[in-house]
Amino acid sequence: MTDAFEQLVAAVQDGRADEIPRLVTAHPELRQRINDPVPGLSFDSTPLLAAVYRKDRSLIDALLAAGADIDRKSGWWAGGFGVLHGSDLELAPFLIERGATIDVHAAARLARVDVLERWLERDPGLVHARGGDGQTPLHFAASPGVAQLLLDRGADIDALDVDHESTPAQWMVGDRLEVARYLVEKGCKTDILMTAALGDLERTRAHLDANPASVRTSVSDRFFPKRNPRAGGTIYQWTLDGRKTAHAIARAREHEAIYQLLVDRSPMTTKLVAACETGDAAAVDELIAATPRLAADLDAEEQGRLVQAAEANELRTVSLMLRAGWPLDVRGCHGGAALHWAAWHGNAAMAAELLRYGARLDIRDPNHDGTPLDWALHGSVNSWHRQGGDYGATIDALAAAGATVPKADDSFEASDAAREAVRRARS
């Protein structure tokens, strides 16, 4: 039977605020556990933090009334988050009204220079304090003015956070470009992905002049190796939207002069990767016409970009790579091949395209010993793209191609649409 704390967490996850007082009344011992971090929640959050991430004000008030501590941080190993460290910015005044402390990290994030100055006057060492993910206050800086204040007080411009081992500027290239550019002008370390993202043509050229091989840099452990095996990998996975190349970043941000510079300085296989990832079918055809077996020269990382594109649910990129001759059995995250990921996301068009080029139906991942059809069943209730997936059509395609279909019983986890496709295949 589910214990009372698990019922409380489930009520929070489902947004059932009215159940909180009932549970606490029936189980008074919950008041002693209500601030406990929950390993199954994001960043080992407390129930209150989960409610904050949901932006559910009724739920927040219900938990506070039940004894939740508004200043209790999450239990994340790299550094706990508080309610003002990752919540929606529009929710901050509501939380502050209810007693949330604006600490040095929250002050930097909320651009509360007045509060930040008071903290630093009281304790100058707080400029180096570690917060959520092990970030310093400079990692949280919301404006050039905040960044300047912190640098003037001795902040390390290139400090690495604990979880992602990334600098403040690397954290900022997603949605705080003005602050990132300010740090670049102040002399922070840069890399070719950062300068491409910021539209900095001259610094991009300088990176290429100093190290021509940097043109092949992408968001990956190869180019941003982890010092701590427990770390989550470079923050670029989030701030630069996945495992992108400098070429894809430059084109996505419409820095065309930088994109052309990168292409001009690229070896042929890198040009092919760039053409596929930016959807330039004409360039793909031109490269293949000039060197018909160019895909045979792809290195292991370049080959793996097919699986990464499938994992990212990028049909256009996968289609162009198949057209260019990418190998099909390369493995990626969790040991899945491209067909595993197409099935996982319920991307019927991608699965059909991979099957058309000869992707194997019997290929099993080494972690779960699952086939693509197994991944389709599990993905129908777990994939982060499941709401847009067509699992019925995907399973239909796999079954029609000869995939082994399980018995239509309750022995596997799957959505109703996926179960119905299994029934169709078994009939």
Protein backbone atom coordinates (compact mmCIF):
# COMPACT_ATOMS: atom_id res chain seq x y z
CA MET A 1 0.00 0.00 0.00
CA THR A 2 1.28 3.49 -0.87
CA ASP A 3 2.43 5.35 2.23
CA ALA A 4 1.17 8.81 3.14
CA PHE A 5 4.25 10.66 1.89
CA GLU A 6 4.02 8.95 -1.50
CA GLN A 7 0.35 9.97 -1.65
CA LEU A 8 1.38 13.55 -0.90
CA VAL A 9 3.99 13.53 -3.66
CA ALA A 10 1.45 12.06 -6.11
CA ALA A 11 -1.05 14.79 -5.19
CA VAL A 12 1.59 17.43 -5.86
CA GLN A 13 2.56 15.90 -9.20
CA ASP A 14 -1.11 15.77 -10.24
CA GLY A 15 -1.87 19.29 -8.99
CA ARG A 16 -4.49 18.16 -6.47
CA ALA A 17 -4.13 20.97 -3.92
CA ASP A 18 -7.34 20.08 -2.08
CA GLU A 19 -5.86 16.72 -1.07
CA ILE A 20 -2.96 18.23 0.86
CA PRO A 21 -4.89 19.37 3.97
CA ARG A 22 -6.86 16.11 3.99
CA LEU A 23 -3.68 14.02 3.90
CA VAL A 24 -1.94 16.08 6.59
CA THR A 25 -4.99 15.90 8.86
CA ALA A 26 -5.25 12.14 8.41
CA HIS A 27 -1.49 11.65 8.73
CA PRO A 28 -0.01 14.30 11.09
CA GLU A 29 3.43 12.69 10.72
CA LEU A 30 3.59 14.21 7.23
CA ARG A 31 4.52 17.54 8.80
CA GLN A 32 7.82 15.94 9.78
CA ARG A 33 8.52 14.77 6.23
CA ILE A 34 7.02 17.52 4.11
CA ASN A 35 10.43 19.16 3.54
CA ASP A 36 12.19 15.94 2.59
CA PRO A 37 13.91 15.87 -0.82
CA VAL A 38 12.30 13.33 -3.15
CA PRO A 39 14.84 11.51 -5.38
CA GLY A 40 12.19 10.89 -8.06
CA LEU A 41 11.54 14.60 -8.53
CA SER A 42 13.69 16.99 -10.58
CA PHE A 43 16.94 17.84 -8.77
CA ASP A 44 15.77 15.79 -5.77
CA SER A 45 13.23 18.51 -5.07
CA THR A 46 10.99 18.89 -2.06
CA PRO A 47 7.22 18.71 -2.63
CA LEU A 48 7.08 22.51 -2.40
CA LEU A 49 9.71 22.94 -5.09
CA ALA A 50 7.76 20.54 -7.32
CA ALA A 51 4.70 22.76 -6.84
CA VAL A 52 6.80 25.83 -7.68
CA TYR A 53 8.04 24.23 -10.91
CA ARG A 54 4.38 23.56 -11.78
CA LYS A 55 3.64 27.28 -11.15
CA ASP A 56 0.64 26.10 -9.12
CA ARG A 57 -0.14 28.80 -6.59
CA SER A 58 -2.96 26.91 -4.88
CA LEU A 59 -0.68 23.94 -4.40
CA ILE A 60 2.10 26.16 -3.05
CA ASP A 61 -0.25 27.73 -0.50
CA ALA A 62 -1.60 24.33 0.55
CA LEU A 63 1.92 23.01 1.20
CA LEU A 64 2.96 26.14 3.09
CA ALA A 65 -0.15 25.82 5.25
CA ALA A 66 0.87 22.21 5.93
CA GLY A 67 4.26 23.31 7.22
CA ALA A 68 6.51 23.38 4.16
CA ASP A 69 9.64 25.54 4.59
CA ILE A 70 9.74 28.04 1.74
CA ASP A 71 13.53 28.31 2.04
CA ARG A 72 14.31 24.60 2.02
CA LYS A 73 16.51 23.74 -0.96
CA SER A 74 16.47 20.61 -3.07
CA GLY A 75 18.78 17.74 -2.23
CA TRP A 76 20.66 17.83 -5.53
CA TRP A 77 24.18 16.44 -5.16
CA ALA A 78 25.88 19.26 -7.04
CA GLY A 79 24.13 22.03 -5.09
CA GLY A 80 20.53 22.49 -4.04
CA PHE A 81 18.03 24.83 -5.70
CA GLY A 82 15.67 27.09 -3.78
CA VAL A 83 12.25 28.37 -4.83
CA LEU A 84 13.73 31.52 -6.41
CA HIS A 85 16.57 29.81 -8.28
CA GLY A 86 14.75 28.07 -11.11
CA SER A 87 11.11 29.09 -10.90
CA ASP A 88 9.19 31.14 -13.41
CA LEU A 89 10.26 34.76 -12.96
CA GLU A 90 6.66 35.95 -12.82
CA LEU A 91 6.12 33.73 -9.80
CA ALA A 92 8.95 35.34 -7.81
CA PRO A 93 6.89 38.20 -6.26
CA PHE A 94 4.28 35.68 -5.09
CA LEU A 95 6.97 33.59 -3.41
CA ILE A 96 8.71 36.60 -1.88
CA GLU A 97 5.38 37.76 -0.42
CA ARG A 98 5.17 34.38 1.29
CA GLY A 99 8.56 34.76 2.88
CA ALA A 100 11.08 33.41 0.37
CA THR A 101 14.56 34.75 1.13
CA ILE A 102 16.31 36.55 -1.71
CA ASP A 103 19.76 35.05 -1.22
CA VAL A 104 22.83 36.05 -3.20
CA HIS A 105 22.03 33.72 -6.13
CA ALA A 106 18.38 34.76 -6.29
CA ALA A 107 19.40 38.42 -6.11
CA ALA A 108 21.67 37.94 -9.12
CA ARG A 109 18.96 36.05 -11.01
CA LEU A 110 16.24 38.61 -10.22
CA ALA A 111 18.56 41.58 -10.89
CA ARG A 112 18.02 42.81 -7.34
CA VAL A 113 21.22 44.81 -7.18
CA ASP A 114 20.21 46.43 -3.90
CA VAL A 115 19.88 43.06 -2.15
CA LEU A 116 23.01 41.72 -3.83
CA GLU A 117 25.07 44.67 -2.60
CA ARG A 118 23.83 44.18 0.96
CA TRP A 119 24.80 40.51 0.94
CA LEU A 120 28.27 41.26 -0.43
CA GLU A 121 28.86 44.09 2.02
CA ARG A 122 27.97 41.72 4.84
CA ASP A 123 30.10 38.86 3.51
CA PRO A 124 32.39 39.53 0.50
CA GLY A 125 33.11 35.80 0.18
CA LEU A 126 29.55 35.22 -1.02
CA VAL A 127 30.68 36.31 -4.49
CA HIS A 128 32.10 32.77 -4.77
CA ALA A 129 29.20 30.98 -3.01
CA ARG A 130 27.90 27.82 -4.66
CA GLY A 131 24.18 27.48 -5.36
CA GLY A 132 22.02 25.19 -7.48
CA ASP A 133 24.13 22.88 -9.68
CA GLY A 134 27.15 24.41 -7.92
CA GLN A 135 26.77 27.69 -9.81
CA THR A 136 28.29 30.90 -8.52
CA PRO A 137 26.24 34.13 -8.38
CA LEU A 138 27.82 35.17 -11.69
CA HIS A 139 26.27 32.11 -13.36
CA PHE A 140 22.86 33.51 -12.34
CA ALA A 141 23.53 37.11 -13.44
CA ALA A 142 20.46 38.49 -15.21
CA SER A 143 22.02 41.65 -16.68
CA PRO A 144 25.36 43.22 -17.55
CA GLY A 145 24.92 45.49 -14.53
CA VAL A 146 24.66 42.51 -12.18
CA ALA A 147 27.66 40.87 -13.87
CA GLN A 148 29.70 44.06 -13.53
CA LEU A 149 28.90 44.32 -9.83
CA LEU A 150 29.98 40.72 -9.24
CA LEU A 151 33.18 41.10 -11.26
CA ASP A 152 34.01 44.30 -9.39
CA ARG A 153 33.64 42.32 -6.15
CA GLY A 154 36.06 39.62 -7.31
CA ALA A 155 33.91 37.03 -9.10
CA ASP A 156 35.81 34.49 -11.18
CA ILE A 157 34.72 35.18 -14.77
CA ASP A 158 35.52 31.60 -15.80
CA ALA A 159 34.34 29.71 -12.71
CA LEU A 160 32.95 26.27 -13.51
CA ASP A 161 29.71 25.05 -11.96
CA VAL A 162 29.76 21.60 -10.36
CA ASP A 163 27.16 19.64 -12.33
CA HIS A 164 27.95 20.82 -15.86
CA GLU A 165 31.52 22.07 -15.43
CA SER A 166 30.61 25.12 -17.50
CA THR A 167 31.37 28.83 -17.26
CA PRO A 168 28.86 31.63 -16.69
CA ALA A 169 29.06 32.67 -20.35
CA GLN A 170 28.36 29.09 -21.47
CA TRP A 171 25.23 29.12 -19.30
CA MET A 172 24.14 32.43 -20.83
CA VAL A 173 24.34 31.76 -24.58
CA GLY A 174 20.81 30.36 -24.61
CA ASP A 175 18.69 33.22 -23.29
CA ARG A 176 21.03 35.89 -21.81
CA LEU A 177 22.99 36.90 -24.88
CA GLU A 178 23.54 40.47 -23.71
CA VAL A 179 25.19 39.27 -20.51
CA ALA A 180 27.26 36.68 -22.38
CA ARG A 181 28.52 39.33 -24.80
CA TYR A 182 29.42 41.54 -21.84
CA LEU A 183 31.50 38.74 -20.31
CA VAL A 184 33.20 38.10 -23.64
CA GLU A 185 34.16 41.76 -23.86
CA LYS A 186 35.49 41.51 -20.31
CA GLY A 187 37.79 38.69 -21.36
CA CYS A 188 36.09 35.42 -20.47
CA LYS A 189 37.20 32.24 -22.20
CA THR A 190 35.39 31.52 -25.44
CA ASP A 191 35.08 28.59 -27.81
CA ILE A 192 33.90 28.34 -31.37
CA LEU A 193 30.39 27.26 -30.38
CA MET A 194 30.01 30.31 -28.17
CA THR A 195 31.24 32.76 -30.79
CA ALA A 196 29.01 31.17 -33.43
CA ALA A 197 26.02 31.47 -31.10
CA LEU A 198 26.79 35.11 -30.34
CA GLY A 199 27.31 36.04 -33.97
CA ASP A 200 30.92 37.07 -33.32
CA LEU A 201 32.55 36.68 -36.72
CA GLU A 202 36.01 37.94 -35.79
CA ARG A 203 36.38 35.73 -32.74
CA THR A 204 35.11 32.75 -34.75
CA ARG A 205 37.78 33.43 -37.35
CA ALA A 206 40.39 33.75 -34.62
CA HIS A 207 39.47 30.31 -33.25
CA LEU A 208 39.79 28.80 -36.73
CA ASP A 209 43.13 30.52 -37.35
CA ALA A 210 44.51 29.30 -34.03
CA ASN A 211 43.16 25.76 -34.42
CA PRO A 212 41.75 24.79 -37.83
CA ALA A 213 40.43 21.50 -36.37
CA SER A 214 38.09 23.47 -34.08
CA VAL A 215 35.71 23.70 -37.04
CA ARG A 216 34.59 20.17 -36.15
CA THR A 217 33.63 21.10 -32.57
CA SER A 218 30.20 20.00 -31.47
CA VAL A 219 28.27 19.73 -28.23
CA SER A 220 29.65 16.40 -27.07
CA ASP A 221 31.82 14.73 -24.45
CA ARG A 222 34.58 14.51 -27.04
CA PHE A 223 35.00 18.28 -27.15
CA PHE A 224 33.78 19.00 -23.63
CA PRO A 225 34.99 16.02 -21.60
CA LYS A 226 33.72 15.59 -18.06
CA ARG A 227 36.23 15.87 -15.24
CA ASN A 228 33.80 14.23 -12.82
CA PRO A 229 32.08 11.10 -14.18
CA ARG A 230 29.05 12.01 -12.07
CA ALA A 231 28.64 15.36 -13.81
CA GLY A 232 25.79 15.95 -16.24
CA GLY A 233 27.92 17.06 -19.19
CA THR A 234 28.35 20.53 -20.66
CA ILE A 235 25.47 22.98 -20.18
CA TYR A 236 25.58 23.51 -23.95
CA GLN A 237 23.31 20.46 -24.20
CA TRP A 238 20.58 22.79 -22.95
CA THR A 239 21.69 26.33 -23.81
CA LEU A 240 22.58 25.40 -27.40
CA ASP A 241 19.63 23.02 -27.87
CA GLY A 242 21.16 19.61 -28.04
CA ARG A 243 24.30 18.17 -29.57
CA LYS A 244 24.81 20.80 -32.25
CA THR A 245 27.77 21.69 -34.44
CA ALA A 246 28.98 25.26 -34.78
CA HIS A 247 27.55 25.25 -38.30
CA ALA A 248 24.05 24.31 -37.13
CA ILE A 249 24.20 26.86 -34.32
CA ALA A 250 25.25 29.68 -36.65
CA ARG A 251 22.56 28.93 -39.21
CA ALA A 252 19.81 28.46 -36.60
CA ARG A 253 20.65 31.91 -35.23
CA GLU A 254 20.85 33.41 -38.73
CA HIS A 255 24.54 34.29 -38.56
CA GLU A 256 25.04 33.49 -42.22
CA ALA A 257 28.50 35.02 -42.58
CA ILE A 258 29.75 32.79 -39.77
CA TYR A 259 28.06 29.76 -41.32
CA GLN A 260 29.77 30.39 -44.67
CA LEU A 261 33.13 30.91 -42.96
CA LEU A 262 32.75 27.60 -41.13
CA VAL A 263 31.77 25.77 -44.33
CA ASP A 264 34.70 27.28 -46.22
CA ARG A 265 37.10 26.06 -43.52
CA SER A 266 35.57 22.57 -43.19
CA PRO A 267 36.80 19.23 -44.51
CA MET A 268 34.40 17.45 -46.84
CA THR A 269 32.77 15.16 -44.27
CA THR A 270 32.15 18.10 -41.94
CA LYS A 271 30.53 19.96 -44.83
CA LEU A 272 28.27 16.95 -45.36
CA VAL A 273 27.26 16.84 -41.71
CA ALA A 274 26.54 20.58 -41.79
CA ALA A 275 24.45 20.31 -44.95
CA CYS A 276 22.35 17.51 -43.45
CA GLU A 277 21.88 19.17 -40.08
CA THR A 278 20.84 22.50 -41.60
CA GLY A 279 18.47 20.90 -44.10
CA ASP A 280 20.41 21.98 -47.18
CA ALA A 281 19.39 19.23 -49.60
CA ALA A 282 21.01 20.95 -52.58
CA ALA A 283 24.37 21.04 -50.80
CA VAL A 284 24.00 17.36 -49.83
CA ASP A 285 23.34 16.41 -53.45
CA GLU A 286 26.26 18.52 -54.67
CA LEU A 287 28.68 16.95 -52.20
CA ILE A 288 27.56 13.41 -53.02
CA ALA A 289 27.71 14.10 -56.75
CA ALA A 290 31.31 15.25 -56.35
CA THR A 291 32.29 12.37 -54.03
CA PRO A 292 29.74 9.54 -54.29
CA ARG A 293 31.21 7.51 -51.41
CA LEU A 294 31.83 10.47 -49.11
CA ALA A 295 29.78 8.92 -46.27
CA ALA A 296 32.32 6.08 -46.12
CA ASP A 297 34.88 8.62 -44.86
CA LEU A 298 32.80 9.72 -41.85
CA ASP A 299 34.55 9.20 -38.54
CA ALA A 300 32.84 7.47 -35.61
CA GLU A 301 31.45 10.68 -34.13
CA GLU A 302 30.13 11.87 -37.49
CA GLN A 303 28.47 8.50 -38.03
CA GLY A 304 26.83 8.83 -34.62
CA ARG A 305 25.10 12.03 -35.63
CA LEU A 306 22.42 9.98 -37.39
CA VAL A 307 21.42 8.45 -34.05
CA GLN A 308 21.58 11.85 -32.38
CA ALA A 309 19.26 13.30 -35.02
CA ALA A 310 16.82 10.44 -34.50
CA GLU A 311 16.98 10.91 -30.73
CA ALA A 312 16.22 14.62 -31.27
CA ASN A 313 13.26 13.59 -33.47
CA GLU A 314 14.65 15.49 -36.48
CA LEU A 315 13.11 13.79 -39.49
CA ARG A 316 14.59 16.15 -42.08
CA THR A 317 18.14 15.58 -40.87
CA VAL A 318 17.69 11.81 -40.67
CA SER A 319 16.26 11.71 -44.21
CA LEU A 320 19.17 13.68 -45.66
CA MET A 321 21.72 11.53 -43.85
CA LEU A 322 20.13 8.38 -45.19
CA ARG A 323 20.16 9.86 -48.67
CA ALA A 324 23.86 10.60 -48.22
CA GLY A 325 24.64 7.01 -47.21
CA TRP A 326 25.03 7.09 -43.42
CA PRO A 327 25.55 3.66 -41.82
CA LEU A 328 22.38 2.41 -40.09
CA ASP A 329 23.61 0.26 -37.22
CA VAL A 330 25.57 2.91 -35.33
CA ARG A 331 24.59 3.09 -31.67
CA GLY A 332 23.90 6.12 -29.54
CA CYS A 333 22.47 6.92 -26.13
CA HIS A 334 21.37 3.80 -24.18
CA GLY A 335 22.81 1.74 -27.03
CA GLY A 336 19.89 2.50 -29.32
CA ALA A 337 20.17 2.68 -33.10
CA ALA A 338 18.33 5.30 -35.16
CA LEU A 339 15.34 2.98 -35.64
CA HIS A 340 15.08 2.52 -31.87
CA TRP A 341 14.74 6.27 -31.42
CA ALA A 342 12.28 6.73 -34.28
CA ALA A 343 10.15 4.02 -32.67
CA TRP A 344 10.57 5.50 -29.18
CA HIS A 345 9.16 8.85 -30.35
CA GLY A 346 6.41 7.27 -32.44
CA ASN A 347 7.79 9.01 -35.53
CA ALA A 348 6.16 6.83 -38.15
CA ALA A 349 7.60 8.77 -41.09
CA MET A 350 11.13 8.44 -39.73
CA ALA A 351 10.67 4.74 -39.00
CA ALA A 352 9.36 4.17 -42.53
CA GLU A 353 12.32 6.06 -44.00
CA LEU A 354 14.83 4.04 -41.98
CA LEU A 355 13.12 0.78 -42.96
CA ARG A 356 13.18 1.83 -46.61
CA TYR A 357 16.97 2.12 -46.37
CA GLY A 358 17.29 -1.29 -44.74
CA ALA A 359 17.36 -0.64 -40.98
CA ARG A 360 17.30 -3.89 -39.06
CA LEU A 361 14.20 -4.85 -37.10
CA ASP A 362 15.98 -7.37 -34.87
CA ILE A 363 18.70 -5.04 -33.61
CA ARG A 364 18.71 -4.95 -29.79
CA ASP A 365 20.11 -2.33 -27.49
CA PRO A 366 22.72 -3.58 -25.00
CA ASN A 367 21.18 -1.84 -21.97
CA HIS A 368 17.62 -3.19 -22.07
CA ASP A 369 17.88 -5.90 -24.73
CA GLY A 370 15.04 -4.19 -26.56
CA THR A 371 14.13 -4.16 -30.25
CA PRO A 372 12.79 -1.04 -31.97
CA LEU A 373 9.26 -2.39 -31.47
CA ASP A 374 9.96 -2.81 -27.75
CA TRP A 375 11.08 0.81 -27.68
CA ALA A 376 7.90 1.90 -29.46
CA LEU A 377 5.74 0.24 -26.81
CA HIS A 378 7.69 1.74 -23.93
CA GLY A 379 8.04 5.12 -25.64
CA SER A 380 4.28 5.37 -26.12
CA VAL A 381 3.98 6.16 -22.40
CA ASN A 382 7.48 7.51 -21.64
CA SER A 383 8.91 9.44 -24.61
CA TRP A 384 9.15 13.19 -24.16
CA HIS A 385 7.63 13.49 -27.65
CA ARG A 386 4.86 10.95 -27.03
CA GLN A 387 2.04 13.50 -27.29
CA GLY A 388 2.96 14.15 -30.92
CA GLY A 389 3.86 10.57 -31.77
CA ASP A 390 1.81 8.20 -33.90
CA TYR A 391 2.53 4.90 -32.19
CA GLY A 392 -0.19 3.05 -34.01
CA ALA A 393 1.28 3.86 -37.42
CA THR A 394 4.83 3.27 -36.18
CA ILE A 395 4.03 -0.19 -34.84
CA ASP A 396 2.02 -0.94 -37.99
CA ALA A 397 5.11 -0.11 -40.08
CA LEU A 398 7.43 -2.23 -37.94
CA ALA A 399 5.02 -5.15 -37.93
CA ALA A 400 4.44 -4.93 -41.68
CA ALA A 401 8.21 -5.07 -42.19
CA GLY A 402 8.39 -8.28 -40.18
CA ALA A 403 9.00 -7.23 -36.56
CA THR A 404 8.11 -9.78 -33.91
CA VAL A 405 5.00 -8.56 -32.11
CA PRO A 406 4.23 -9.54 -28.49
CA LYS A 407 1.01 -11.15 -27.36
CA ALA A 408 -1.84 -8.68 -27.03
CA ASP A 409 -2.15 -9.03 -23.25
CA ASP A 410 -1.31 -6.85 -20.26
CA SER A 411 2.26 -8.07 -19.83
CA PHE A 412 3.85 -4.91 -21.28
CA GLU A 413 3.56 -1.17 -20.66
CA ALA A 414 2.06 0.75 -23.59
CA SER A 415 -0.50 3.35 -24.56
CA ASP A 416 -3.97 2.39 -25.81
CA ALA A 417 -2.99 3.26 -29.38
CA ALA A 418 0.10 1.06 -29.17
CA ARG A 419 -1.90 -1.85 -27.71
CA GLU A 420 -4.45 -1.53 -30.48
CA ALA A 421 -1.67 -1.70 -33.08
CA VAL A 422 -0.36 -4.86 -31.42
CA ARG A 423 -3.84 -6.36 -31.59
CA ARG A 424 -4.08 -5.48 -35.28
CA ALA A 425 -0.74 -7.11 -35.98
CA ARG A 426 -1.72 -10.27 -34.10
CA SER A 427 -5.12 -10.65 -35.74
